C-alpha atoms as a PDB file:
ATOM      1  CA  MET A   1      66.913 -54.275  12.479  1.00  0.00           C
ATOM      2  CA  SER A   2      69.948 -51.896  11.149  1.00  0.00           C
ATOM      3  CA  ASN A   3      70.486 -48.538  12.280  1.00  0.00           C
ATOM      4  CA  LYS A   4      70.151 -47.271   8.528  1.00  0.00           C
ATOM      5  CA  HIS A   5      66.493 -48.833   8.565  1.00  0.00           C
ATOM      6  CA  ILE A   6      65.851 -46.989  11.738  1.00  0.00           C
ATOM      7  CA  HIS A   7      66.781 -43.671  10.436  1.00  0.00           C
ATOM      8  CA  SER A   8      64.745 -44.467   6.972  1.00  0.00           C
ATOM      9  CA  THR A   9      61.484 -44.997   8.748  1.00  0.00           C
ATOM     10  CA  PHE A  10      59.326 -42.878  11.241  1.00  0.00           C
ATOM     11  CA  CYS A  11      57.629 -44.814  13.773  1.00  0.00           C
ATOM     12  CA  ILE A  12      54.607 -43.796  15.493  1.00  0.00           C
ATOM     13  CA  ARG A  13      52.742 -45.408  18.275  1.00  0.00           C
ATOM     14  CA  HIS A  14      49.430 -46.451  17.271  1.00  0.00           C
ATOM     15  CA  HIS A  15      46.480 -46.102  20.142  1.00  0.00           C
ATOM     16  CA  MET A  16      46.799 -49.755  20.758  1.00  0.00           C
ATOM     17  CA  GLY A  17      50.508 -49.685  21.514  1.00  0.00           C
ATOM     18  CA  ALA A  18      51.799 -51.475  18.306  1.00  0.00           C
ATOM     19  CA  PRO A  19      54.304 -49.544  16.326  1.00  0.00           C
ATOM     20  CA  VAL A  20      53.374 -48.282  12.779  1.00  0.00           C
ATOM     21  CA  ASP A  21      56.039 -47.626  10.134  1.00  0.00           C
ATOM     22  CA  ILE A  22      55.517 -44.748   7.886  1.00  0.00           C
ATOM     23  CA  PRO A  23      58.405 -45.318   5.216  1.00  0.00           C
ATOM     24  CA  SER A  24      60.379 -42.212   4.032  1.00  0.00           C
ATOM     25  CA  ALA A  25      61.228 -41.624   0.291  1.00  0.00           C
ATOM     26  CA  SER A  26      64.735 -42.816   0.987  1.00  0.00           C
ATOM     27  CA  ASN A  27      63.657 -46.643   0.919  1.00  0.00           C
ATOM     28  CA  PRO A  28      61.481 -47.427  -2.165  1.00  0.00           C
ATOM     29  CA  GLN A  29      61.316 -51.027  -1.404  1.00  0.00           C
ATOM     30  CA  HIS A  30      59.786 -50.564   2.170  1.00  0.00           C
ATOM     31  CA  PHE A  31      57.595 -47.568   0.594  1.00  0.00           C
ATOM     32  CA  MET A  32      56.000 -50.266  -1.816  1.00  0.00           C
ATOM     33  CA  GLN A  33      55.628 -52.547   1.293  1.00  0.00           C
ATOM     34  CA  PHE A  34      53.603 -49.961   2.884  1.00  0.00           C
ATOM     35  CA  LEU A  35      51.486 -49.237  -0.253  1.00  0.00           C
ATOM     36  CA  ASN A  36      50.714 -52.953  -0.659  1.00  0.00           C
ATOM     37  CA  ARG A  37      48.675 -52.742   2.554  1.00  0.00           C
ATOM     38  CA  PHE A  38      46.334 -50.634   0.740  1.00  0.00           C
ATOM     39  CA  ARG A  39      46.448 -52.745  -2.703  1.00  0.00           C
ATOM     40  CA  PHE A  40      42.646 -52.959  -2.456  1.00  0.00           C
ATOM     41  CA  LEU A  41      42.447 -49.334  -3.370  1.00  0.00           C
ATOM     42  CA  LYS A  42      44.263 -50.156  -6.706  1.00  0.00           C
ATOM     43  CA  ASN A  43      40.958 -51.701  -8.001  1.00  0.00           C
ATOM     44  CA  PHE A  44      38.972 -48.949  -9.506  1.00  0.00           C
ATOM     45  CA  TYR A  45      35.665 -50.112  -8.170  1.00  0.00           C
ATOM     46  CA  TRP A  46      36.786 -50.331  -4.589  1.00  0.00           C
ATOM     47  CA  ALA A  47      38.299 -46.935  -4.495  1.00  0.00           C
ATOM     48  CA  THR A  48      35.245 -45.376  -6.310  1.00  0.00           C
ATOM     49  CA  SER A  49      32.888 -47.153  -4.076  1.00  0.00           C
ATOM     50  CA  LEU A  50      35.018 -45.929  -0.932  1.00  0.00           C
ATOM     51  CA  GLY A  51      35.067 -42.417  -2.266  1.00  0.00           C
ATOM     52  CA  LEU A  52      31.452 -42.364  -2.919  1.00  0.00           C
ATOM     53  CA  LEU A  53      30.565 -43.933   0.586  1.00  0.00           C
ATOM     54  CA  THR A  54      32.793 -41.150   2.108  1.00  0.00           C
ATOM     55  CA  TRP A  55      31.093 -38.448   0.099  1.00  0.00           C
ATOM     56  CA  LEU A  56      27.627 -39.791   0.986  1.00  0.00           C
ATOM     57  CA  LEU A  57      28.354 -40.000   4.907  1.00  0.00           C
ATOM     58  CA  PHE A  58      30.056 -36.680   5.387  1.00  0.00           C
ATOM     59  CA  PHE A  59      29.835 -34.251   2.591  1.00  0.00           C
ATOM     60  CA  GLU A  60      26.455 -34.700   0.671  1.00  0.00           C
ATOM     61  CA  LEU A  61      23.902 -32.119   1.547  1.00  0.00           C
ATOM     62  CA  ASN A  62      21.320 -35.213   2.160  1.00  0.00           C
ATOM     63  CA  SER A  63      23.823 -37.298   4.011  1.00  0.00           C
ATOM     64  CA  ILE A  64      23.113 -40.737   5.493  1.00  0.00           C
ATOM     65  CA  PRO A  65      23.035 -39.179   9.024  1.00  0.00           C
ATOM     66  CA  ASP A  66      20.659 -36.545   7.832  1.00  0.00           C
ATOM     67  CA  GLN A  67      18.410 -39.122   6.186  1.00  0.00           C
ATOM     68  CA  VAL A  68      18.149 -41.108   9.285  1.00  0.00           C
ATOM     69  CA  GLY A  69      17.364 -38.216  11.273  1.00  0.00           C
ATOM     70  CA  ASN A  70      14.857 -37.285   9.066  1.00  0.00           C
ATOM     71  CA  TRP A  71      13.376 -40.776   9.028  1.00  0.00           C
ATOM     72  CA  LEU A  72      13.097 -40.634  12.695  1.00  0.00           C
ATOM     73  CA  GLU A  73      11.403 -37.362  12.872  1.00  0.00           C
ATOM     74  CA  LEU A  74       8.892 -38.418  10.297  1.00  0.00           C
ATOM     75  CA  ARG A  75       8.067 -41.316  12.416  1.00  0.00           C
ATOM     76  CA  ASP A  76       7.520 -39.044  15.430  1.00  0.00           C
ATOM     77  CA  LEU A  77       5.370 -36.830  13.286  1.00  0.00           C
ATOM     78  CA  GLU A  78       3.221 -39.668  12.019  1.00  0.00           C
ATOM     79  CA  ASN A  79       2.543 -40.495  15.572  1.00  0.00           C
ATOM     80  CA  GLN A  80       1.562 -37.061  16.499  1.00  0.00           C
ATOM     81  CA  LYS A  81      -0.641 -37.089  13.412  1.00  0.00           C
ATOM     82  CA  GLU A  82      -2.596 -40.044  14.648  1.00  0.00           C
ATOM     83  CA  TYR A  83      -2.923 -38.509  18.037  1.00  0.00           C
ATOM     84  CA  TYR A  84      -4.418 -35.390  16.519  1.00  0.00           C
ATOM     85  CA  GLU A  85      -6.610 -37.322  14.323  1.00  0.00           C
ATOM     86  CA  GLU A  86      -8.257 -39.140  17.195  1.00  0.00           C
ATOM     87  CA  LEU A  87      -8.547 -35.988  19.147  1.00  0.00           C
ATOM     88  CA  ILE A  88     -10.454 -34.279  16.198  1.00  0.00           C
ATOM     89  CA  GLU A  89     -12.676 -37.118  15.831  1.00  0.00           C
ATOM     90  CA  LEU A  90     -13.531 -36.810  19.609  1.00  0.00           C
ATOM     91  CA  LEU A  91     -14.081 -33.127  19.417  1.00  0.00           C
ATOM     92  CA  LYS A  92     -16.223 -33.605  16.331  1.00  0.00           C
ATOM     93  CA  LYS A  93     -18.393 -35.872  18.248  1.00  0.00           C
ATOM     94  CA  GLU A  94     -18.623 -33.658  21.194  1.00  0.00           C
ATOM     95  CA  GLN A  95     -19.667 -30.554  19.005  1.00  0.00           C
ATOM     96  CA  ALA A  96     -22.255 -32.702  17.170  1.00  0.00           C
ATOM     97  CA  SER A  97     -23.769 -33.539  20.614  1.00  0.00           C
ATOM     98  CA  THR A  98     -23.622 -29.925  21.848  1.00  0.00           C
ATOM     99  CA  LEU A  99     -24.590 -27.948  18.746  1.00  0.00           C
ATOM    100  CA  GLY A 100     -28.269 -29.626  18.353  1.00  0.00           C
ATOM    101  CA  THR A 101     -30.236 -27.123  20.464  1.00  0.00           C
ATOM    102  CA  ASN A 102     -29.833 -23.860  22.423  1.00  0.00           C
ATOM    103  CA  GLU A 103     -30.819 -25.869  25.495  1.00  0.00           C
ATOM    104  CA  LEU A 104     -27.975 -28.362  24.866  1.00  0.00           C
ATOM    105  CA  MET A 105     -25.261 -25.434  23.868  1.00  0.00           C
ATOM    106  CA  GLU A 106     -26.165 -23.793  27.380  1.00  0.00           C
ATOM    107  CA  LYS A 107     -25.919 -27.088  29.112  1.00  0.00           C
ATOM    108  CA  TYR A 108     -22.482 -27.653  27.667  1.00  0.00           C
ATOM    109  CA  ALA A 109     -21.120 -24.135  28.597  1.00  0.00           C
ATOM    110  CA  ARG A 110     -22.284 -24.251  32.136  1.00  0.00           C
ATOM    111  CA  GLU A 111     -20.739 -27.877  32.695  1.00  0.00           C
ATOM    112  CA  LYS A 112     -17.482 -27.285  30.450  1.00  0.00           C
ATOM    113  CA  TYR A 113     -16.789 -23.555  30.962  1.00  0.00           C
ATOM    114  CA  PHE A 114     -18.853 -22.961  34.351  1.00  0.00           C
ATOM    115  CA  MET A 115     -20.681 -19.990  32.642  1.00  0.00           C
ATOM    116  CA  LYS A 116     -23.610 -18.528  34.486  1.00  0.00           C
ATOM    117  CA  LYS A 117     -26.137 -16.015  33.879  1.00  0.00           C
ATOM    118  CA  ASP A 118     -25.991 -12.493  35.370  1.00  0.00           C
ATOM    119  CA  SER A 119     -28.706 -13.289  38.191  1.00  0.00           C
ATOM    120  CA  GLU A 120     -27.052 -16.626  39.260  1.00  0.00           C
ATOM    121  CA  GLU A 121     -24.360 -17.781  41.516  1.00  0.00           C
ATOM    122  CA  VAL A 122     -22.497 -21.074  40.681  1.00  0.00           C
ATOM    123  CA  PHE A 123     -20.901 -23.193  43.278  1.00  0.00           C
ATOM    124  CA  VAL A 124     -18.431 -25.987  42.129  1.00  0.00           C
ATOM    125  CA  LEU A 125     -17.800 -28.677  44.367  1.00  0.00           C
ATOM    126  CA  VAL A 126     -14.200 -30.120  44.104  1.00  0.00           C
ATOM    127  CA  ASP A 127     -12.434 -32.927  45.607  1.00  0.00           C
ATOM    128  CA  LYS A 128      -8.988 -32.977  47.495  1.00  0.00           C
ATOM    129  CA  ASN A 129      -7.195 -32.635  44.281  1.00  0.00           C
ATOM    130  CA  GLY A 130      -8.961 -29.464  43.143  1.00  0.00           C
ATOM    131  CA  GLU A 131     -10.839 -31.355  40.510  1.00  0.00           C
ATOM    132  CA  PRO A 132     -14.652 -30.850  40.171  1.00  0.00           C
ATOM    133  CA  PHE A 133     -16.714 -34.000  40.999  1.00  0.00           C
ATOM    134  CA  GLU A 134     -18.567 -34.026  37.868  1.00  0.00           C
ATOM    135  CA  LYS A 135     -16.870 -33.681  34.682  1.00  0.00           C
END
């Protein structure tokens, strides 16, 4: 390698340690060799596809990473929807069993919410964990 060649190019160390030559404008032949590394960009379709992909990945309002995040969030929300639908069905069955008569509503209020009449005292027996024996 001649001394002129060393001065006409600027050498940068790549992160792997291999030198990358960036040609200067004073050596057009070397500059054309550098451009030949990117000759696939001369094809209009490749260049357009690369530009579109770059735009969709980084600049678009609904970029691909945003779409993936939205899809994951939708999947989580659908799982939550199934859980709440099952909970609603359970509560509807419980409601149907308690709202039949006044005696059933009173029994439900006493057992579930530990309600009492003014003239009564209620004792709740609990286990070691503080949970009532009867649920």
